[in-house]
Amino acid sequence: MEQKKSTQKRHQLLAAALDVFSQYGFNGASLDEIARLAEMHKSNIFYYYANKEALYVEVLTSVMQKWLTPLQTLEPDCEPTEAIAQYLITKIDVAITEPKASKLFALEIIQGAPHILSILKGPLKKLFKRKAKVILTWQEQGKISKEIDPELLIINIWGITQNYADFTTQIEILMGKSLRSRHIYQRSVQHTVHLLLYGILPR
């Protein structure tokens, strides 16, 4: 029971930290505000994390793990159009339903990724290179246009899908509707999938 309660508290803390960090960034975020949102005393934060930076890195790491899990599904024996379409849909869904995660990551990257540089250079880069090779294999099989740059394709997919989170305000003002509306969500998915897939298919 105590273990379950502790786990729930930790998840509550991470959710509160995401709210505050995504709004103010690392430097502007206050542990007092995080503790208030998490409904716990500030001193309790240090039961789970040594300091503010450790909490921040944990939040960012959990965000990255959630994003990168769908990328793991891209394998050489997959049908590329189906695999990439599903990956796009998953990324758009996460961007629209959990925009704070994307905004937090964007803030960190804009500042030069000072807190997660080792992750970017290590695990993320290895996964990125591995999946670029999968796309290269699809090209060699004639399933994807040879004009496509495998690495840039992954980067472009990230940029396009995360745009739905990072620039929500601009999109909703210009389109006049919430991205969470069923019509706009389906419109966004259909357009993005068609845009990317039409460009990568061999002619």
C-alpha atoms as a PDB file:
ATOM      1  CA  MET A   1       0.000   0.000   0.000  1.00  0.00           C
ATOM      2  CA  GLU A   2       2.802   2.410   0.951  1.00  0.00           C
ATOM      3  CA  GLN A   3       4.688   1.583  -2.250  1.00  0.00           C
ATOM      4  CA  LYS A   4       1.582   2.252  -4.330  1.00  0.00           C
ATOM      5  CA  LYS A   5       0.983   5.551  -2.546  1.00  0.00           C
ATOM      6  CA  SER A   6       4.613   6.573  -3.091  1.00  0.00           C
ATOM      7  CA  THR A   7       4.373   5.763  -6.803  1.00  0.00           C
ATOM      8  CA  GLN A   8       1.185   7.783  -7.137  1.00  0.00           C
ATOM      9  CA  LYS A   9       2.822  10.735  -5.383  1.00  0.00           C
ATOM     10  CA  ARG A  10       5.820  10.520  -7.695  1.00  0.00           C
ATOM     11  CA  HIS A  11       3.586  10.538 -10.786  1.00  0.00           C
ATOM     12  CA  GLN A  12       1.679  13.474  -9.297  1.00  0.00           C
ATOM     13  CA  LEU A  13       4.980  15.290  -8.793  1.00  0.00           C
ATOM     14  CA  LEU A  14       6.157  14.608 -12.359  1.00  0.00           C
ATOM     15  CA  ALA A  15       2.855  15.876 -13.784  1.00  0.00           C
ATOM     16  CA  ALA A  16       3.103  19.074 -11.743  1.00  0.00           C
ATOM     17  CA  ALA A  17       6.746  19.515 -12.752  1.00  0.00           C
ATOM     18  CA  LEU A  18       5.832  19.149 -16.428  1.00  0.00           C
ATOM     19  CA  ASP A  19       3.184  21.867 -16.058  1.00  0.00           C
ATOM     20  CA  VAL A  20       5.590  24.316 -14.452  1.00  0.00           C
ATOM     21  CA  PHE A  21       8.729  23.543 -16.469  1.00  0.00           C
ATOM     22  CA  SER A  22       6.859  23.699 -19.789  1.00  0.00           C
ATOM     23  CA  GLN A  23       5.557  27.143 -18.888  1.00  0.00           C
ATOM     24  CA  TYR A  24       8.635  28.745 -17.329  1.00  0.00           C
ATOM     25  CA  GLY A  25      11.571  26.623 -18.465  1.00  0.00           C
ATOM     26  CA  PHE A  26      14.220  25.304 -16.082  1.00  0.00           C
ATOM     27  CA  ASN A  27      15.514  28.668 -14.857  1.00  0.00           C
ATOM     28  CA  GLY A  28      12.124  30.261 -14.364  1.00  0.00           C
ATOM     29  CA  ALA A  29      10.456  27.270 -12.702  1.00  0.00           C
ATOM     30  CA  SER A  30       9.956  27.298  -8.949  1.00  0.00           C
ATOM     31  CA  LEU A  31      10.034  24.217  -6.739  1.00  0.00           C
ATOM     32  CA  ASP A  32       7.518  25.991  -4.501  1.00  0.00           C
ATOM     33  CA  GLU A  33       5.058  26.192  -7.394  1.00  0.00           C
ATOM     34  CA  ILE A  34       5.695  22.565  -8.365  1.00  0.00           C
ATOM     35  CA  ALA A  35       5.104  21.453  -4.770  1.00  0.00           C
ATOM     36  CA  ARG A  36       1.884  23.474  -4.640  1.00  0.00           C
ATOM     37  CA  LEU A  37       0.524  21.880  -7.818  1.00  0.00           C
ATOM     38  CA  ALA A  38       1.606  18.431  -6.647  1.00  0.00           C
ATOM     39  CA  GLU A  39      -0.146  19.065  -3.321  1.00  0.00           C
ATOM     40  CA  MET A  40       2.906  18.218  -1.268  1.00  0.00           C
ATOM     41  CA  HIS A  41       5.406  20.033   0.901  1.00  0.00           C
ATOM     42  CA  LYS A  42       8.487  21.323  -0.919  1.00  0.00           C
ATOM     43  CA  SER A  43      10.756  19.213   1.287  1.00  0.00           C
ATOM     44  CA  ASN A  44       8.993  16.060   0.037  1.00  0.00           C
ATOM     45  CA  ILE A  45      10.349  16.696  -3.454  1.00  0.00           C
ATOM     46  CA  PHE A  46      13.832  15.893  -2.186  1.00  0.00           C
ATOM     47  CA  TYR A  47      12.626  12.466  -1.073  1.00  0.00           C
ATOM     48  CA  TYR A  48      12.328  11.589  -4.761  1.00  0.00           C
ATOM     49  CA  TYR A  49      14.954  13.833  -6.373  1.00  0.00           C
ATOM     50  CA  ALA A  50      18.256  15.271  -5.180  1.00  0.00           C
ATOM     51  CA  ASN A  51      17.622  18.702  -6.637  1.00  0.00           C
ATOM     52  CA  LYS A  52      15.674  20.745  -9.178  1.00  0.00           C
ATOM     53  CA  GLU A  53      17.867  19.651 -12.091  1.00  0.00           C
ATOM     54  CA  ALA A  54      17.392  15.948 -11.306  1.00  0.00           C
ATOM     55  CA  LEU A  55      13.621  16.447 -11.372  1.00  0.00           C
ATOM     56  CA  TYR A  56      13.848  18.414 -14.621  1.00  0.00           C
ATOM     57  CA  VAL A  57      15.966  15.751 -16.343  1.00  0.00           C
ATOM     58  CA  GLU A  58      13.569  13.022 -15.172  1.00  0.00           C
ATOM     59  CA  VAL A  59      10.619  14.880 -16.695  1.00  0.00           C
ATOM     60  CA  LEU A  60      12.458  15.380 -19.989  1.00  0.00           C
ATOM     61  CA  THR A  61      13.615  11.763 -20.058  1.00  0.00           C
ATOM     62  CA  SER A  62      10.095  10.440 -19.522  1.00  0.00           C
ATOM     63  CA  VAL A  63       8.870  12.682 -22.340  1.00  0.00           C
ATOM     64  CA  MET A  64      11.543  11.395 -24.713  1.00  0.00           C
ATOM     65  CA  GLN A  65      10.846   7.770 -23.836  1.00  0.00           C
ATOM     66  CA  LYS A  66       7.174   8.195 -24.682  1.00  0.00           C
ATOM     67  CA  TRP A  67       8.030   9.834 -28.012  1.00  0.00           C
ATOM     68  CA  LEU A  68      10.703   7.367 -29.032  1.00  0.00           C
ATOM     69  CA  THR A  69       8.765   4.188 -28.285  1.00  0.00           C
ATOM     70  CA  PRO A  70       6.703   4.466 -31.526  1.00  0.00           C
ATOM     71  CA  LEU A  71       9.907   5.037 -33.530  1.00  0.00           C
ATOM     72  CA  GLN A  72      11.125   1.642 -32.340  1.00  0.00           C
ATOM     73  CA  THR A  73       8.404  -0.014 -34.438  1.00  0.00           C
ATOM     74  CA  LEU A  74      10.037   0.986 -37.748  1.00  0.00           C
ATOM     75  CA  GLU A  75      11.782  -2.197 -38.896  1.00  0.00           C
ATOM     76  CA  PRO A  76      13.087  -3.377 -42.310  1.00  0.00           C
ATOM     77  CA  ASP A  77      10.387  -6.040 -42.685  1.00  0.00           C
ATOM     78  CA  CYS A  78       7.558  -3.520 -42.180  1.00  0.00           C
ATOM     79  CA  GLU A  79       5.571  -2.103 -45.070  1.00  0.00           C
ATOM     80  CA  PRO A  80       6.968   1.487 -45.112  1.00  0.00           C
ATOM     81  CA  THR A  81       3.747   3.299 -46.025  1.00  0.00           C
ATOM     82  CA  GLU A  82       1.824   1.581 -43.229  1.00  0.00           C
ATOM     83  CA  ALA A  83       4.616   1.932 -40.672  1.00  0.00           C
ATOM     84  CA  ILE A  84       5.288   5.606 -41.383  1.00  0.00           C
ATOM     85  CA  ALA A  85       1.564   6.436 -41.535  1.00  0.00           C
ATOM     86  CA  GLN A  86       1.026   4.854 -38.111  1.00  0.00           C
ATOM     87  CA  TYR A  87       4.082   6.631 -36.734  1.00  0.00           C
ATOM     88  CA  LEU A  88       2.780   9.971 -37.998  1.00  0.00           C
ATOM     89  CA  ILE A  89      -0.660   9.376 -36.491  1.00  0.00           C
ATOM     90  CA  THR A  90       0.858   8.450 -33.124  1.00  0.00           C
ATOM     91  CA  LYS A  91       3.132  11.508 -33.114  1.00  0.00           C
ATOM     92  CA  ILE A  92       0.286  13.871 -34.034  1.00  0.00           C
ATOM     93  CA  ASP A  93      -1.936  12.330 -31.375  1.00  0.00           C
ATOM     94  CA  VAL A  94       0.706  12.845 -28.678  1.00  0.00           C
ATOM     95  CA  ALA A  95       1.400  16.399 -29.891  1.00  0.00           C
ATOM     96  CA  ILE A  96      -2.266  17.386 -29.709  1.00  0.00           C
ATOM     97  CA  THR A  97      -3.202  15.583 -26.497  1.00  0.00           C
ATOM     98  CA  GLU A  98       0.031  16.281 -24.600  1.00  0.00           C
ATOM     99  CA  PRO A  99       1.386  19.602 -25.948  1.00  0.00           C
ATOM    100  CA  LYS A 100       3.198  20.550 -22.725  1.00  0.00           C
ATOM    101  CA  ALA A 101       5.690  17.734 -23.241  1.00  0.00           C
ATOM    102  CA  SER A 102       6.636  18.984 -26.700  1.00  0.00           C
ATOM    103  CA  LYS A 103       6.878  22.595 -25.531  1.00  0.00           C
ATOM    104  CA  LEU A 104       9.192  21.625 -22.685  1.00  0.00           C
ATOM    105  CA  PHE A 105      11.450  19.703 -25.064  1.00  0.00           C
ATOM    106  CA  ALA A 106      11.479  22.649 -27.490  1.00  0.00           C
ATOM    107  CA  LEU A 107      12.534  25.040 -24.715  1.00  0.00           C
ATOM    108  CA  GLU A 108      15.417  22.765 -23.788  1.00  0.00           C
ATOM    109  CA  ILE A 109      16.607  22.345 -27.386  1.00  0.00           C
ATOM    110  CA  ILE A 110      16.383  26.079 -28.154  1.00  0.00           C
ATOM    111  CA  GLN A 111      18.762  26.689 -25.252  1.00  0.00           C
ATOM    112  CA  GLY A 112      21.275  24.191 -26.624  1.00  0.00           C
ATOM    113  CA  ALA A 113      20.056  21.142 -24.661  1.00  0.00           C
ATOM    114  CA  PRO A 114      22.329  21.824 -21.637  1.00  0.00           C
ATOM    115  CA  HIS A 115      20.604  19.260 -19.399  1.00  0.00           C
ATOM    116  CA  ILE A 116      20.146  16.372 -21.847  1.00  0.00           C
ATOM    117  CA  LEU A 117      23.130  16.735 -24.163  1.00  0.00           C
ATOM    118  CA  SER A 118      24.504  13.332 -23.116  1.00  0.00           C
ATOM    119  CA  ILE A 119      21.157  11.696 -23.976  1.00  0.00           C
ATOM    120  CA  LEU A 120      21.051  13.362 -27.393  1.00  0.00           C
ATOM    121  CA  LYS A 121      24.622  12.349 -28.192  1.00  0.00           C
ATOM    122  CA  GLY A 122      24.170   8.845 -26.796  1.00  0.00           C
ATOM    123  CA  PRO A 123      20.914   6.819 -26.815  1.00  0.00           C
ATOM    124  CA  LEU A 124      18.918   9.176 -29.049  1.00  0.00           C
ATOM    125  CA  LYS A 125      21.619   9.464 -31.708  1.00  0.00           C
ATOM    126  CA  LYS A 126      22.106   5.679 -31.791  1.00  0.00           C
ATOM    127  CA  LEU A 127      18.365   5.111 -32.263  1.00  0.00           C
ATOM    128  CA  PHE A 128      18.213   7.865 -34.884  1.00  0.00           C
ATOM    129  CA  LYS A 129      21.063   6.332 -36.904  1.00  0.00           C
ATOM    130  CA  ARG A 130      19.563   2.835 -36.602  1.00  0.00           C
ATOM    131  CA  LYS A 131      16.163   3.928 -37.910  1.00  0.00           C
ATOM    132  CA  ALA A 132      17.740   5.941 -40.714  1.00  0.00           C
ATOM    133  CA  LYS A 133      19.324   2.665 -41.851  1.00  0.00           C
ATOM    134  CA  VAL A 134      15.853   1.075 -41.877  1.00  0.00           C
ATOM    135  CA  ILE A 135      14.671   3.789 -44.262  1.00  0.00           C
ATOM    136  CA  LEU A 136      17.794   3.256 -46.379  1.00  0.00           C
ATOM    137  CA  THR A 137      16.926  -0.447 -46.584  1.00  0.00           C
ATOM    138  CA  TRP A 138      13.435   0.455 -47.833  1.00  0.00           C
ATOM    139  CA  GLN A 139      15.058   2.636 -50.482  1.00  0.00           C
ATOM    140  CA  GLU A 140      17.302  -0.224 -51.606  1.00  0.00           C
ATOM    141  CA  GLN A 141      14.195  -2.409 -51.877  1.00  0.00           C
ATOM    142  CA  GLY A 142      12.587   0.194 -54.152  1.00  0.00           C
ATOM    143  CA  LYS A 143       9.784   0.926 -51.655  1.00  0.00           C
ATOM    144  CA  ILE A 144      10.815   4.541 -50.997  1.00  0.00           C
ATOM    145  CA  SER A 145      12.141   7.188 -53.371  1.00  0.00           C
ATOM    146  CA  LYS A 146      15.926   7.321 -53.564  1.00  0.00           C
ATOM    147  CA  GLU A 147      15.648  11.134 -53.572  1.00  0.00           C
ATOM    148  CA  ILE A 148      14.658  11.049 -49.901  1.00  0.00           C
ATOM    149  CA  ASP A 149      17.351  11.651 -47.275  1.00  0.00           C
ATOM    150  CA  PRO A 150      16.668   9.055 -44.507  1.00  0.00           C
ATOM    151  CA  GLU A 151      17.981  11.212 -41.658  1.00  0.00           C
ATOM    152  CA  LEU A 152      16.202  14.361 -42.812  1.00  0.00           C
ATOM    153  CA  LEU A 153      12.966  12.412 -43.268  1.00  0.00           C
ATOM    154  CA  ILE A 154      12.959  11.510 -39.558  1.00  0.00           C
ATOM    155  CA  ILE A 155      13.835  15.090 -38.596  1.00  0.00           C
ATOM    156  CA  ASN A 156      11.092  16.453 -40.870  1.00  0.00           C
ATOM    157  CA  ILE A 157       8.528  14.080 -39.352  1.00  0.00           C
ATOM    158  CA  TRP A 158       9.465  15.324 -35.885  1.00  0.00           C
ATOM    159  CA  GLY A 159       9.272  18.948 -36.988  1.00  0.00           C
ATOM    160  CA  ILE A 160       5.903  18.655 -38.714  1.00  0.00           C
ATOM    161  CA  THR A 161       4.199  16.655 -35.965  1.00  0.00           C
ATOM    162  CA  GLN A 162       5.614  18.666 -33.058  1.00  0.00           C
ATOM    163  CA  ASN A 163       4.402  21.823 -34.789  1.00  0.00           C
ATOM    164  CA  TYR A 164       0.893  20.828 -33.692  1.00  0.00           C
ATOM    165  CA  ALA A 165       2.022  21.165 -30.074  1.00  0.00           C
ATOM    166  CA  ASP A 166       4.570  23.990 -30.156  1.00  0.00           C
ATOM    167  CA  PHE A 167       2.477  26.348 -32.292  1.00  0.00           C
ATOM    168  CA  THR A 168      -1.016  25.378 -31.141  1.00  0.00           C
ATOM    169  CA  THR A 169      -2.032  28.988 -30.510  1.00  0.00           C
ATOM    170  CA  GLN A 170      -1.057  30.115 -34.018  1.00  0.00           C
ATOM    171  CA  ILE A 171      -2.741  27.152 -35.706  1.00  0.00           C
ATOM    172  CA  GLU A 172      -5.978  27.515 -33.754  1.00  0.00           C
ATOM    173  CA  ILE A 173      -6.205  31.270 -34.328  1.00  0.00           C
ATOM    174  CA  LEU A 174      -5.600  30.934 -38.062  1.00  0.00           C
ATOM    175  CA  MET A 175      -7.909  27.939 -38.510  1.00  0.00           C
ATOM    176  CA  GLY A 176     -10.535  29.227 -36.093  1.00  0.00           C
ATOM    177  CA  LYS A 177     -11.003  25.918 -34.274  1.00  0.00           C
ATOM    178  CA  SER A 178      -9.394  23.854 -31.552  1.00  0.00           C
ATOM    179  CA  LEU A 179      -7.000  21.111 -32.621  1.00  0.00           C
ATOM    180  CA  ARG A 180      -8.859  18.918 -30.160  1.00  0.00           C
ATOM    181  CA  SER A 181     -12.053  19.110 -32.218  1.00  0.00           C
ATOM    182  CA  ARG A 182     -12.670  15.826 -34.017  1.00  0.00           C
ATOM    183  CA  HIS A 183     -12.920  17.477 -37.437  1.00  0.00           C
ATOM    184  CA  ILE A 184      -9.664  19.442 -37.165  1.00  0.00           C
ATOM    185  CA  TYR A 185      -7.848  16.470 -35.651  1.00  0.00           C
ATOM    186  CA  GLN A 186      -8.867  14.173 -38.525  1.00  0.00           C
ATOM    187  CA  ARG A 187      -8.082  16.905 -41.047  1.00  0.00           C
ATOM    188  CA  SER A 188      -4.604  17.339 -39.555  1.00  0.00           C
ATOM    189  CA  VAL A 189      -3.897  13.608 -39.579  1.00  0.00           C
ATOM    190  CA  GLN A 190      -5.140  13.036 -43.141  1.00  0.00           C
ATOM    191  CA  HIS A 191      -3.235  16.013 -44.530  1.00  0.00           C
ATOM    192  CA  THR A 192       0.049  15.200 -42.791  1.00  0.00           C
ATOM    193  CA  VAL A 193      -0.021  11.521 -43.733  1.00  0.00           C
ATOM    194  CA  HIS A 194      -0.827  12.335 -47.359  1.00  0.00           C
ATOM    195  CA  LEU A 195       1.820  15.072 -47.515  1.00  0.00           C
ATOM    196  CA  LEU A 196       4.617  12.869 -46.186  1.00  0.00           C
ATOM    197  CA  LEU A 197       3.690   9.624 -47.928  1.00  0.00           C
ATOM    198  CA  TYR A 198       3.167  11.194 -51.365  1.00  0.00           C
ATOM    199  CA  GLY A 199       6.609  12.733 -51.157  1.00  0.00           C
ATOM    200  CA  ILE A 200       8.467   9.549 -50.208  1.00  0.00           C
ATOM    201  CA  LEU A 201       6.902   7.078 -52.631  1.00  0.00           C
ATOM    202  CA  PRO A 202       8.986   6.170 -55.693  1.00  0.00           C
ATOM    203  CA  ARG A 203       7.769   7.527 -59.034  1.00  0.00           C
END
